[in-house]
Amino acid sequence: MLGWTVTFLVIALIAAVLGFTGVAVAAAGIAKLLFVVFLILFVVSLFTHLGRRRSV
Protein backbone atom coordinates (compact mmCIF):
# COMPACT_ATOMS: atom_id res chain seq x y z
CA MET A 1 0.00 0.00 0.00
CA LEU A 2 2.89 2.33 0.64
CA GLY A 3 4.01 1.65 -2.92
CA TRP A 4 0.67 2.95 -4.22
CA THR A 5 1.09 6.07 -2.10
CA VAL A 6 4.51 6.76 -3.57
CA THR A 7 3.18 6.08 -7.09
CA PHE A 8 0.36 8.58 -6.74
CA LEU A 9 2.74 11.10 -5.17
CA VAL A 10 5.07 10.82 -8.16
CA ILE A 11 2.12 11.17 -10.56
CA ALA A 12 1.01 14.27 -8.67
CA LEU A 13 4.47 15.81 -8.83
CA ILE A 14 4.86 15.11 -12.54
CA ALA A 15 1.39 16.46 -13.30
CA ALA A 16 2.09 19.59 -11.26
CA VAL A 17 5.33 20.24 -13.16
CA LEU A 18 3.56 19.78 -16.49
CA GLY A 19 0.70 22.06 -15.46
CA PHE A 20 -2.13 19.56 -15.20
CA THR A 21 -3.52 21.02 -12.00
CA GLY A 22 -6.68 18.90 -11.88
CA VAL A 23 -4.75 15.67 -12.25
CA ALA A 24 -2.14 16.83 -9.74
CA VAL A 25 -4.76 17.69 -7.13
CA ALA A 26 -6.58 14.38 -7.61
CA ALA A 27 -3.40 12.30 -7.43
CA ALA A 28 -2.17 14.20 -4.38
CA GLY A 29 -5.49 13.63 -2.67
CA ILE A 30 -5.34 9.90 -3.36
CA ALA A 31 -1.74 9.78 -2.13
CA LYS A 32 -2.72 11.52 1.12
CA LEU A 33 -5.66 9.18 1.65
CA LEU A 34 -3.57 6.07 1.02
CA PHE A 35 -0.84 7.34 3.33
CA VAL A 36 -3.31 7.89 6.16
CA VAL A 37 -4.80 4.42 5.66
CA PHE A 38 -1.30 2.91 5.63
CA LEU A 39 -0.38 4.79 8.80
CA ILE A 40 -3.53 3.65 10.63
CA LEU A 41 -2.96 0.03 9.60
CA PHE A 42 0.66 0.25 10.72
CA VAL A 43 -0.29 1.57 14.17
CA VAL A 44 -2.98 -1.11 14.61
CA SER A 45 -0.51 -3.79 13.55
CA LEU A 46 2.10 -2.45 15.95
CA PHE A 47 -0.28 -2.49 18.91
CA THR A 48 -1.55 -5.99 18.14
CA HIS A 49 2.01 -7.25 17.87
CA LEU A 50 2.96 -5.67 21.19
CA GLY A 51 -0.19 -7.10 22.79
CA ARG A 52 0.61 -10.64 21.63
CA ARG A 53 4.22 -10.33 22.72
CA ARG A 54 3.33 -9.50 26.33
CA SER A 55 0.76 -12.26 26.73
CA VAL A 56 3.19 -15.03 25.72
PDB file of N, CA and C in Angstrom:
ATOM      1  N   MET A   1       0.825  -1.188   0.000  1.00  0.00           N
ATOM      2  CA  MET A   1       0.000   0.000   0.000  1.00  0.00           C
ATOM      3  C   MET A   1       0.870   1.252   0.000  1.00  0.00           C
ATOM      4  N   LEU A   2       1.992   1.184   0.658  1.00  0.00           N
ATOM      5  CA  LEU A   2       2.894   2.335   0.640  1.00  0.00           C
ATOM      6  C   LEU A   2       3.425   2.571  -0.766  1.00  0.00           C
ATOM      7  N   GLY A   3       3.579   1.508  -1.521  1.00  0.00           N
ATOM      8  CA  GLY A   3       4.012   1.647  -2.916  1.00  0.00           C
ATOM      9  C   GLY A   3       3.001   2.435  -3.745  1.00  0.00           C
ATOM     10  N   TRP A   4       1.702   2.189  -3.515  1.00  0.00           N
ATOM     11  CA  TRP A   4       0.672   2.948  -4.219  1.00  0.00           C
ATOM     12  C   TRP A   4       0.723   4.422  -3.828  1.00  0.00           C
ATOM     13  N   THR A   5       0.988   4.688  -2.555  1.00  0.00           N
ATOM     14  CA  THR A   5       1.086   6.070  -2.097  1.00  0.00           C
ATOM     15  C   THR A   5       2.218   6.797  -2.808  1.00  0.00           C
ATOM     16  N   VAL A   6       3.356   6.156  -2.895  1.00  0.00           N
ATOM     17  CA  VAL A   6       4.507   6.761  -3.573  1.00  0.00           C
ATOM     18  C   VAL A   6       4.208   6.941  -5.059  1.00  0.00           C
ATOM     19  N   THR A   7       3.530   5.971  -5.667  1.00  0.00           N
ATOM     20  CA  THR A   7       3.182   6.076  -7.088  1.00  0.00           C
ATOM     21  C   THR A   7       2.292   7.276  -7.350  1.00  0.00           C
ATOM     22  N   PHE A   8       1.244   7.443  -6.547  1.00  0.00           N
ATOM     23  CA  PHE A   8       0.361   8.582  -6.744  1.00  0.00           C
ATOM     24  C   PHE A   8       1.046   9.897  -6.417  1.00  0.00           C
ATOM     25  N   LEU A   9       1.977   9.891  -5.466  1.00  0.00           N
ATOM     26  CA  LEU A   9       2.736  11.103  -5.167  1.00  0.00           C
ATOM     27  C   LEU A   9       3.598  11.499  -6.359  1.00  0.00           C
ATOM     28  N   VAL A  10       4.242  10.534  -6.979  1.00  0.00           N
ATOM     29  CA  VAL A  10       5.069  10.819  -8.159  1.00  0.00           C
ATOM     30  C   VAL A  10       4.203  11.318  -9.311  1.00  0.00           C
ATOM     31  N   ILE A  11       3.046  10.699  -9.505  1.00  0.00           N
ATOM     32  CA  ILE A  11       2.124  11.165 -10.558  1.00  0.00           C
ATOM     33  C   ILE A  11       1.698  12.601 -10.284  1.00  0.00           C
ATOM     34  N   ALA A  12       1.409  12.915  -9.032  1.00  0.00           N
ATOM     35  CA  ALA A  12       1.005  14.274  -8.675  1.00  0.00           C
ATOM     36  C   ALA A  12       2.118  15.278  -8.943  1.00  0.00           C
ATOM     37  N   LEU A  13       3.342  14.893  -8.608  1.00  0.00           N
ATOM     38  CA  LEU A  13       4.466  15.810  -8.833  1.00  0.00           C
ATOM     39  C   LEU A  13       4.717  16.041 -10.319  1.00  0.00           C
ATOM     40  N   ILE A  14       4.653  14.974 -11.101  1.00  0.00           N
ATOM     41  CA  ILE A  14       4.862  15.111 -12.545  1.00  0.00           C
ATOM     42  C   ILE A  14       3.748  15.948 -13.169  1.00  0.00           C
ATOM     43  N   ALA A  15       2.518  15.691 -12.764  1.00  0.00           N
ATOM     44  CA  ALA A  15       1.388  16.461 -13.298  1.00  0.00           C
ATOM     45  C   ALA A  15       1.479  17.920 -12.896  1.00  0.00           C
ATOM     46  N   ALA A  16       1.949  18.197 -11.694  1.00  0.00           N
ATOM     47  CA  ALA A  16       2.093  19.587 -11.256  1.00  0.00           C
ATOM     48  C   ALA A  16       3.162  20.311 -12.069  1.00  0.00           C
ATOM     49  N   VAL A  17       4.255  19.632 -12.367  1.00  0.00           N
ATOM     50  CA  VAL A  17       5.327  20.240 -13.161  1.00  0.00           C
ATOM     51  C   VAL A  17       4.845  20.522 -14.581  1.00  0.00           C
ATOM     52  N   LEU A  18       4.050  19.610 -15.125  1.00  0.00           N
ATOM     53  CA  LEU A  18       3.559  19.777 -16.492  1.00  0.00           C
ATOM     54  C   LEU A  18       2.360  20.719 -16.584  1.00  0.00           C
ATOM     55  N   GLY A  19       1.779  21.088 -15.455  1.00  0.00           N
ATOM     56  CA  GLY A  19       0.699  22.055 -15.455  1.00  0.00           C
ATOM     57  C   GLY A  19      -0.700  21.467 -15.464  1.00  0.00           C
ATOM     58  N   PHE A  20      -0.819  20.176 -15.268  1.00  0.00           N
ATOM     59  CA  PHE A  20      -2.135  19.558 -15.204  1.00  0.00           C
ATOM     60  C   PHE A  20      -2.625  19.649 -13.760  1.00  0.00           C
ATOM     61  N   THR A  21      -3.189  20.792 -13.399  1.00  0.00           N
ATOM     62  CA  THR A  21      -3.522  21.023 -11.995  1.00  0.00           C
ATOM     63  C   THR A  21      -4.621  20.095 -11.492  1.00  0.00           C
ATOM     64  N   GLY A  22      -5.607  19.791 -12.314  1.00  0.00           N
ATOM     65  CA  GLY A  22      -6.678  18.896 -11.875  1.00  0.00           C
ATOM     66  C   GLY A  22      -6.177  17.513 -11.580  1.00  0.00           C
ATOM     67  N   VAL A  23      -5.325  17.004 -12.443  1.00  0.00           N
ATOM     68  CA  VAL A  23      -4.752  15.668 -12.248  1.00  0.00           C
ATOM     69  C   VAL A  23      -3.834  15.674 -11.030  1.00  0.00           C
ATOM     70  N   ALA A  24      -3.067  16.741 -10.871  1.00  0.00           N
ATOM     71  CA  ALA A  24      -2.143  16.828  -9.739  1.00  0.00           C
ATOM     72  C   ALA A  24      -2.902  16.848  -8.418  1.00  0.00           C
ATOM     73  N   VAL A  25      -3.981  17.608  -8.367  1.00  0.00           N
ATOM     74  CA  VAL A  25      -4.759  17.686  -7.131  1.00  0.00           C
ATOM     75  C   VAL A  25      -5.404  16.343  -6.815  1.00  0.00           C
ATOM     76  N   ALA A  26      -5.940  15.678  -7.829  1.00  0.00           N
ATOM     77  CA  ALA A  26      -6.581  14.382  -7.609  1.00  0.00           C
ATOM     78  C   ALA A  26      -5.563  13.341  -7.156  1.00  0.00           C
ATOM     79  N   ALA A  27      -4.423  13.283  -7.808  1.00  0.00           N
ATOM     80  CA  ALA A  27      -3.401  12.301  -7.435  1.00  0.00           C
ATOM     81  C   ALA A  27      -2.835  12.592  -6.047  1.00  0.00           C
ATOM     82  N   ALA A  28      -2.663  13.852  -5.719  1.00  0.00           N
ATOM     83  CA  ALA A  28      -2.165  14.196  -4.384  1.00  0.00           C
ATOM     84  C   ALA A  28      -3.186  13.825  -3.317  1.00  0.00           C
ATOM     85  N   GLY A  29      -4.455  14.013  -3.611  1.00  0.00           N
ATOM     86  CA  GLY A  29      -5.494  13.628  -2.665  1.00  0.00           C
ATOM     87  C   GLY A  29      -5.525  12.131  -2.425  1.00  0.00           C
ATOM     88  N   ILE A  30      -5.382  11.363  -3.496  1.00  0.00           N
ATOM     89  CA  ILE A  30      -5.343   9.902  -3.364  1.00  0.00           C
ATOM     90  C   ILE A  30      -4.107   9.480  -2.582  1.00  0.00           C
ATOM     91  N   ALA A  31      -2.976  10.119  -2.852  1.00  0.00           N
ATOM     92  CA  ALA A  31      -1.744   9.784  -2.129  1.00  0.00           C
ATOM     93  C   ALA A  31      -1.892  10.071  -0.638  1.00  0.00           C
ATOM     94  N   LYS A  32      -2.512  11.198  -0.294  1.00  0.00           N
ATOM     95  CA  LYS A  32      -2.724  11.521   1.117  1.00  0.00           C
ATOM     96  C   LYS A  32      -3.639  10.492   1.779  1.00  0.00           C
ATOM     97  N   LEU A  33      -4.714  10.146   1.098  1.00  0.00           N
ATOM     98  CA  LEU A  33      -5.656   9.179   1.646  1.00  0.00           C
ATOM     99  C   LEU A  33      -4.995   7.825   1.870  1.00  0.00           C
ATOM    100  N   LEU A  34      -4.246   7.357   0.885  1.00  0.00           N
ATOM    101  CA  LEU A  34      -3.569   6.067   1.022  1.00  0.00           C
ATOM    102  C   LEU A  34      -2.517   6.096   2.125  1.00  0.00           C
ATOM    103  N   PHE A  35      -1.837   7.227   2.276  1.00  0.00           N
ATOM    104  CA  PHE A  35      -0.837   7.339   3.333  1.00  0.00           C
ATOM    105  C   PHE A  35      -1.484   7.261   4.710  1.00  0.00           C
ATOM    106  N   VAL A  36      -2.615   7.929   4.874  1.00  0.00           N
ATOM    107  CA  VAL A  36      -3.312   7.892   6.163  1.00  0.00           C
ATOM    108  C   VAL A  36      -3.796   6.476   6.462  1.00  0.00           C
ATOM    109  N   VAL A  37      -4.355   5.801   5.466  1.00  0.00           N
ATOM    110  CA  VAL A  37      -4.805   4.424   5.655  1.00  0.00           C
ATOM    111  C   VAL A  37      -3.620   3.533   6.026  1.00  0.00           C
ATOM    112  N   PHE A  38      -2.502   3.692   5.331  1.00  0.00           N
ATOM    113  CA  PHE A  38      -1.300   2.910   5.633  1.00  0.00           C
ATOM    114  C   PHE A  38      -0.824   3.182   7.053  1.00  0.00           C
ATOM    115  N   LEU A  39      -0.832   4.426   7.460  1.00  0.00           N
ATOM    116  CA  LEU A  39      -0.376   4.791   8.796  1.00  0.00           C
ATOM    117  C   LEU A  39      -1.275   4.191   9.873  1.00  0.00           C
ATOM    118  N   ILE A  40      -2.585   4.232   9.671  1.00  0.00           N
ATOM    119  CA  ILE A  40      -3.526   3.649  10.632  1.00  0.00           C
ATOM    120  C   ILE A  40      -3.319   2.139  10.726  1.00  0.00           C
ATOM    121  N   LEU A  41      -3.185   1.477   9.587  1.00  0.00           N
ATOM    122  CA  LEU A  41      -2.963   0.028   9.600  1.00  0.00           C
ATOM    123  C   LEU A  41      -1.642  -0.330  10.273  1.00  0.00           C
ATOM    124  N   PHE A  42      -0.626   0.487  10.081  1.00  0.00           N
ATOM    125  CA  PHE A  42       0.659   0.249  10.725  1.00  0.00           C
ATOM    126  C   PHE A  42       0.547   0.352  12.235  1.00  0.00           C
ATOM    127  N   VAL A  43      -0.135   1.375  12.720  1.00  0.00           N
ATOM    128  CA  VAL A  43      -0.286   1.566  14.167  1.00  0.00           C
ATOM    129  C   VAL A  43      -1.096   0.419  14.776  1.00  0.00           C
ATOM    130  N   VAL A  44      -2.181   0.017  14.113  1.00  0.00           N
ATOM    131  CA  VAL A  44      -2.984  -1.106  14.609  1.00  0.00           C
ATOM    132  C   VAL A  44      -2.141  -2.381  14.641  1.00  0.00           C
ATOM    133  N   SER A  45      -1.372  -2.617  13.596  1.00  0.00           N
ATOM    134  CA  SER A  45      -0.512  -3.792  13.550  1.00  0.00           C
ATOM    135  C   SER A  45       0.541  -3.753  14.656  1.00  0.00           C
ATOM    136  N   LEU A  46       1.091  -2.596  14.899  1.00  0.00           N
ATOM    137  CA  LEU A  46       2.101  -2.445  15.948  1.00  0.00           C
ATOM    138  C   LEU A  46       1.517  -2.764  17.318  1.00  0.00           C
ATOM    139  N   PHE A  47       0.333  -2.228  17.609  1.00  0.00           N
ATOM    140  CA  PHE A  47      -0.281  -2.487  18.910  1.00  0.00           C
ATOM    141  C   PHE A  47      -0.690  -3.943  19.075  1.00  0.00           C
ATOM    142  N   THR A  48      -1.180  -4.573  18.014  1.00  0.00           N
ATOM    143  CA  THR A  48      -1.550  -5.987  18.136  1.00  0.00           C
ATOM    144  C   THR A  48      -0.315  -6.852  18.329  1.00  0.00           C
ATOM    145  N   HIS A  49       0.763  -6.503  17.690  1.00  0.00           N
ATOM    146  CA  HIS A  49       2.015  -7.249  17.872  1.00  0.00           C
ATOM    147  C   HIS A  49       2.524  -7.097  19.304  1.00  0.00           C
ATOM    148  N   LEU A  50       2.494  -5.889  19.814  1.00  0.00           N
ATOM    149  CA  LEU A  50       2.955  -5.673  21.185  1.00  0.00           C
ATOM    150  C   LEU A  50       2.047  -6.373  22.183  1.00  0.00           C
ATOM    151  N   GLY A  51       0.748  -6.407  21.903  1.00  0.00           N
ATOM    152  CA  GLY A  51      -0.190  -7.098  22.793  1.00  0.00           C
ATOM    153  C   GLY A  51       0.045  -8.586  22.835  1.00  0.00           C
ATOM    154  N   ARG A  52       0.320  -9.201  21.690  1.00  0.00           N
ATOM    155  CA  ARG A  52       0.609 -10.635  21.633  1.00  0.00           C
ATOM    156  C   ARG A  52       1.918 -10.967  22.324  1.00  0.00           C
ATOM    157  N   ARG A  53       2.882 -10.080  22.180  1.00  0.00           N
ATOM    158  CA  ARG A  53       4.215 -10.329  22.716  1.00  0.00           C
ATOM    159  C   ARG A  53       4.173 -10.385  24.242  1.00  0.00           C
ATOM    160  N   ARG A  54       3.383  -9.531  24.867  1.00  0.00           N
ATOM    161  CA  ARG A  54       3.333  -9.497  26.332  1.00  0.00           C
ATOM    162  C   ARG A  54       2.567 -10.672  26.905  1.00  0.00           C
ATOM    163  N   SER A  55       1.572 -11.184  26.181  1.00  0.00           N
ATOM    164  CA  SER A  55       0.759 -12.264  26.726  1.00  0.00           C
ATOM    165  C   SER A  55       1.464 -13.622  26.672  1.00  0.00           C
ATOM    166  N   VAL A  56       2.492 -13.749  25.866  1.00  0.00           N
ATOM    167  CA  VAL A  56       3.186 -15.033  25.724  1.00  0.00           C
ATOM    168  C   VAL A  56       4.253 -15.195  26.763  1.00  0.00           C
TER     169      VAL A  56
END
